[in-house]
Amino acid sequence: MEVDQKEQNSKLRSSLMRLLARREHSRQELFKKMLIRGFDEGLIQPNIDDFTERNWQSDARYASMLLRSRVLKCQ
């Protein structure tokens, strides 16, 4: 991996971490947000995969959070 790509990868991982520190996000949400921010599509998916393997990102937790928030809005 060349220096510029390593730097972009580092910035991508920092962006993913900042987003996940605020709230849960689905894989699809993270992918779209990183594309909008101009990150290379080829770097996004492997990093999201890594975050998921480390259990830093979870679609199950995201779905649970979403359901919980919708239920609370109805009360």
N, C-alpha and C. Protein backbone atom coordinates (compact mmCIF):
# COMPACT_ATOMS: atom_id res chain seq x y z
N MET A 1 0.85 -1.18 0.00
CA MET A 1 0.00 0.00 0.00
C MET A 1 0.89 1.23 0.00
N GLU A 2 0.70 2.12 -0.95
CA GLU A 2 1.53 3.32 -1.02
C GLU A 2 1.16 4.30 0.08
N VAL A 3 2.01 5.32 0.28
CA VAL A 3 1.85 6.27 1.38
C VAL A 3 0.50 6.98 1.32
N ASP A 4 0.11 7.48 0.14
CA ASP A 4 -1.15 8.20 0.01
C ASP A 4 -2.33 7.30 0.34
N GLN A 5 -2.26 6.06 -0.10
CA GLN A 5 -3.34 5.11 0.18
C GLN A 5 -3.38 4.76 1.67
N LYS A 6 -2.21 4.66 2.30
CA LYS A 6 -2.17 4.40 3.74
C LYS A 6 -2.79 5.57 4.51
N GLU A 7 -2.50 6.77 4.06
CA GLU A 7 -3.05 7.96 4.71
C GLU A 7 -4.58 8.00 4.54
N GLN A 8 -5.06 7.70 3.32
CA GLN A 8 -6.49 7.69 3.07
C GLN A 8 -7.16 6.60 3.90
N ASN A 9 -6.52 5.45 4.01
CA ASN A 9 -7.05 4.35 4.81
C ASN A 9 -7.16 4.77 6.28
N SER A 10 -6.15 5.46 6.78
CA SER A 10 -6.16 5.92 8.16
C SER A 10 -7.29 6.94 8.39
N LYS A 11 -7.46 7.85 7.45
CA LYS A 11 -8.53 8.85 7.57
C LYS A 11 -9.90 8.18 7.49
N LEU A 12 -10.02 7.18 6.64
CA LEU A 12 -11.26 6.44 6.51
C LEU A 12 -11.62 5.76 7.82
N ARG A 13 -10.64 5.07 8.41
CA ARG A 13 -10.89 4.37 9.67
C ARG A 13 -11.25 5.36 10.78
N SER A 14 -10.62 6.51 10.79
CA SER A 14 -10.96 7.54 11.79
C SER A 14 -12.38 8.03 11.60
N SER A 15 -12.78 8.24 10.36
CA SER A 15 -14.15 8.68 10.07
C SER A 15 -15.16 7.64 10.51
N LEU A 16 -14.88 6.38 10.20
CA LEU A 16 -15.78 5.30 10.61
C LEU A 16 -15.90 5.26 12.14
N MET A 17 -14.78 5.38 12.81
CA MET A 17 -14.77 5.32 14.27
C MET A 17 -15.56 6.49 14.87
N ARG A 18 -15.38 7.69 14.33
CA ARG A 18 -16.12 8.85 14.84
C ARG A 18 -17.63 8.65 14.68
N LEU A 19 -18.05 8.15 13.52
CA LEU A 19 -19.48 7.92 13.30
C LEU A 19 -20.03 6.89 14.27
N LEU A 20 -19.30 5.80 14.45
CA LEU A 20 -19.77 4.73 15.34
C LEU A 20 -19.70 5.11 16.81
N ALA A 21 -18.87 6.08 17.15
CA ALA A 21 -18.79 6.54 18.54
C ALA A 21 -20.04 7.32 18.92
N ARG A 22 -20.69 7.93 17.95
CA ARG A 22 -21.89 8.72 18.21
C ARG A 22 -23.13 7.85 18.34
N ARG A 23 -23.27 6.88 17.41
CA ARG A 23 -24.43 5.98 17.42
C ARG A 23 -24.14 4.81 16.50
N GLU A 24 -25.00 3.80 16.57
CA GLU A 24 -24.87 2.65 15.68
C GLU A 24 -25.23 3.07 14.25
N HIS A 25 -24.55 2.48 13.29
CA HIS A 25 -24.83 2.69 11.87
C HIS A 25 -24.85 1.33 11.18
N SER A 26 -25.69 1.20 10.18
CA SER A 26 -25.69 -0.03 9.39
C SER A 26 -24.48 -0.02 8.46
N ARG A 27 -24.13 -1.18 7.95
CA ARG A 27 -23.03 -1.28 6.98
C ARG A 27 -23.33 -0.40 5.77
N GLN A 28 -24.56 -0.47 5.31
CA GLN A 28 -24.96 0.30 4.12
C GLN A 28 -24.84 1.80 4.38
N GLU A 29 -25.28 2.25 5.54
CA GLU A 29 -25.18 3.66 5.92
C GLU A 29 -23.72 4.12 5.91
N LEU A 30 -22.87 3.32 6.55
CA LEU A 30 -21.45 3.68 6.61
C LEU A 30 -20.85 3.74 5.22
N PHE A 31 -21.18 2.77 4.38
CA PHE A 31 -20.64 2.74 3.02
C PHE A 31 -21.04 4.01 2.26
N LYS A 32 -22.32 4.36 2.32
CA LYS A 32 -22.80 5.54 1.61
C LYS A 32 -22.14 6.82 2.14
N LYS A 33 -22.01 6.93 3.44
CA LYS A 33 -21.41 8.12 4.03
C LYS A 33 -19.94 8.26 3.63
N MET A 34 -19.23 7.14 3.57
CA MET A 34 -17.83 7.20 3.18
C MET A 34 -17.68 7.54 1.69
N LEU A 35 -18.59 7.05 0.86
CA LEU A 35 -18.57 7.42 -0.56
C LEU A 35 -18.80 8.91 -0.73
N ILE A 36 -19.78 9.44 0.00
CA ILE A 36 -20.08 10.88 -0.06
C ILE A 36 -18.87 11.70 0.36
N ARG A 37 -18.12 11.19 1.32
CA ARG A 37 -16.93 11.90 1.81
C ARG A 37 -15.73 11.75 0.88
N GLY A 38 -15.93 10.99 -0.19
CA GLY A 38 -14.89 10.91 -1.22
C GLY A 38 -13.85 9.82 -1.04
N PHE A 39 -14.10 8.88 -0.17
CA PHE A 39 -13.14 7.79 0.02
C PHE A 39 -13.24 6.79 -1.12
N ASP A 40 -12.14 6.13 -1.40
CA ASP A 40 -12.04 5.13 -2.46
C ASP A 40 -12.92 3.93 -2.11
N GLU A 41 -13.80 3.58 -3.05
CA GLU A 41 -14.73 2.48 -2.85
C GLU A 41 -14.01 1.18 -2.50
N GLY A 42 -12.82 0.98 -3.08
CA GLY A 42 -12.05 -0.23 -2.82
C GLY A 42 -11.49 -0.31 -1.41
N LEU A 43 -11.41 0.81 -0.71
CA LEU A 43 -10.94 0.82 0.67
C LEU A 43 -12.09 0.72 1.67
N ILE A 44 -13.24 1.19 1.27
CA ILE A 44 -14.37 1.26 2.20
C ILE A 44 -14.81 -0.11 2.68
N GLN A 45 -15.14 -0.99 1.75
CA GLN A 45 -15.70 -2.29 2.12
C GLN A 45 -14.78 -3.13 3.01
N PRO A 46 -13.49 -3.24 2.67
CA PRO A 46 -12.61 -4.03 3.56
C PRO A 46 -12.53 -3.46 4.98
N ASN A 47 -12.57 -2.15 5.10
CA ASN A 47 -12.52 -1.54 6.43
C ASN A 47 -13.82 -1.77 7.20
N ILE A 48 -14.94 -1.66 6.53
CA ILE A 48 -16.22 -1.95 7.19
C ILE A 48 -16.25 -3.42 7.60
N ASP A 49 -15.74 -4.30 6.74
CA ASP A 49 -15.66 -5.73 7.08
C ASP A 49 -14.82 -5.93 8.35
N ASP A 50 -13.70 -5.23 8.42
CA ASP A 50 -12.82 -5.34 9.59
C ASP A 50 -13.54 -4.84 10.85
N PHE A 51 -14.23 -3.72 10.74
CA PHE A 51 -14.97 -3.17 11.88
C PHE A 51 -16.04 -4.16 12.33
N THR A 52 -16.69 -4.81 11.39
CA THR A 52 -17.73 -5.80 11.72
C THR A 52 -17.11 -7.01 12.40
N GLU A 53 -15.99 -7.50 11.87
CA GLU A 53 -15.30 -8.65 12.48
C GLU A 53 -14.87 -8.35 13.91
N ARG A 54 -14.49 -7.12 14.17
CA ARG A 54 -14.07 -6.72 15.51
C ARG A 54 -15.27 -6.39 16.41
N ASN A 55 -16.46 -6.49 15.84
CA ASN A 55 -17.72 -6.18 16.53
C ASN A 55 -17.83 -4.70 16.90
N TRP A 56 -17.15 -3.85 16.16
CA TRP A 56 -17.28 -2.40 16.34
C TRP A 56 -18.50 -1.90 15.58
N GLN A 57 -18.88 -2.63 14.55
CA GLN A 57 -20.09 -2.33 13.77
C GLN A 57 -20.94 -3.58 13.78
N SER A 58 -22.25 -3.38 13.97
CA SER A 58 -23.16 -4.52 14.00
C SER A 58 -24.51 -4.11 13.44
N ASP A 59 -24.94 -4.78 12.38
CA ASP A 59 -26.27 -4.50 11.84
C ASP A 59 -27.35 -4.92 12.84
N ALA A 60 -27.09 -5.94 13.64
CA ALA A 60 -28.06 -6.37 14.65
C ALA A 60 -28.24 -5.29 15.71
N ARG A 61 -27.13 -4.70 16.19
CA ARG A 61 -27.25 -3.62 17.17
C ARG A 61 -27.94 -2.41 16.55
N TYR A 62 -27.62 -2.13 15.29
CA TYR A 62 -28.26 -1.01 14.59
C TYR A 62 -29.78 -1.24 14.52
N ALA A 63 -30.20 -2.43 14.14
CA ALA A 63 -31.63 -2.74 14.03
C ALA A 63 -32.31 -2.62 15.40
N SER A 64 -31.65 -3.07 16.42
CA SER A 64 -32.19 -2.98 17.78
C SER A 64 -32.35 -1.52 18.19
N MET A 65 -31.35 -0.70 17.92
CA MET A 65 -31.40 0.72 18.25
C MET A 65 -32.53 1.40 17.48
N LEU A 66 -32.67 1.07 16.22
CA LEU A 66 -33.70 1.66 15.38
C LEU A 66 -35.08 1.28 15.89
N LEU A 67 -35.28 0.02 16.19
CA LEU A 67 -36.56 -0.45 16.71
C LEU A 67 -36.89 0.23 18.03
N ARG A 68 -35.91 0.29 18.91
CA ARG A 68 -36.10 0.92 20.21
C ARG A 68 -36.52 2.39 20.06
N SER A 69 -35.86 3.11 19.17
CA SER A 69 -36.18 4.53 18.99
C SER A 69 -37.58 4.71 18.39
N ARG A 70 -37.96 3.82 17.49
CA ARG A 70 -39.31 3.91 16.89
C ARG A 70 -40.38 3.60 17.92
N VAL A 71 -40.14 2.61 18.77
CA VAL A 71 -41.10 2.26 19.80
C VAL A 71 -41.26 3.42 20.78
N LEU A 72 -40.16 4.04 21.17
CA LEU A 72 -40.23 5.16 22.12
C LEU A 72 -40.97 6.36 21.54
N LYS A 73 -40.89 6.56 20.23
CA LYS A 73 -41.61 7.65 19.59
C LYS A 73 -43.11 7.44 19.64
N CYS A 74 -43.55 6.20 19.68
CA CYS A 74 -44.97 5.87 19.69
C CYS A 74 -45.59 5.95 21.08
N GLN A 75 -44.78 6.03 22.09
CA GLN A 75 -45.31 6.04 23.47
C GLN A 75 -45.78 7.41 23.87
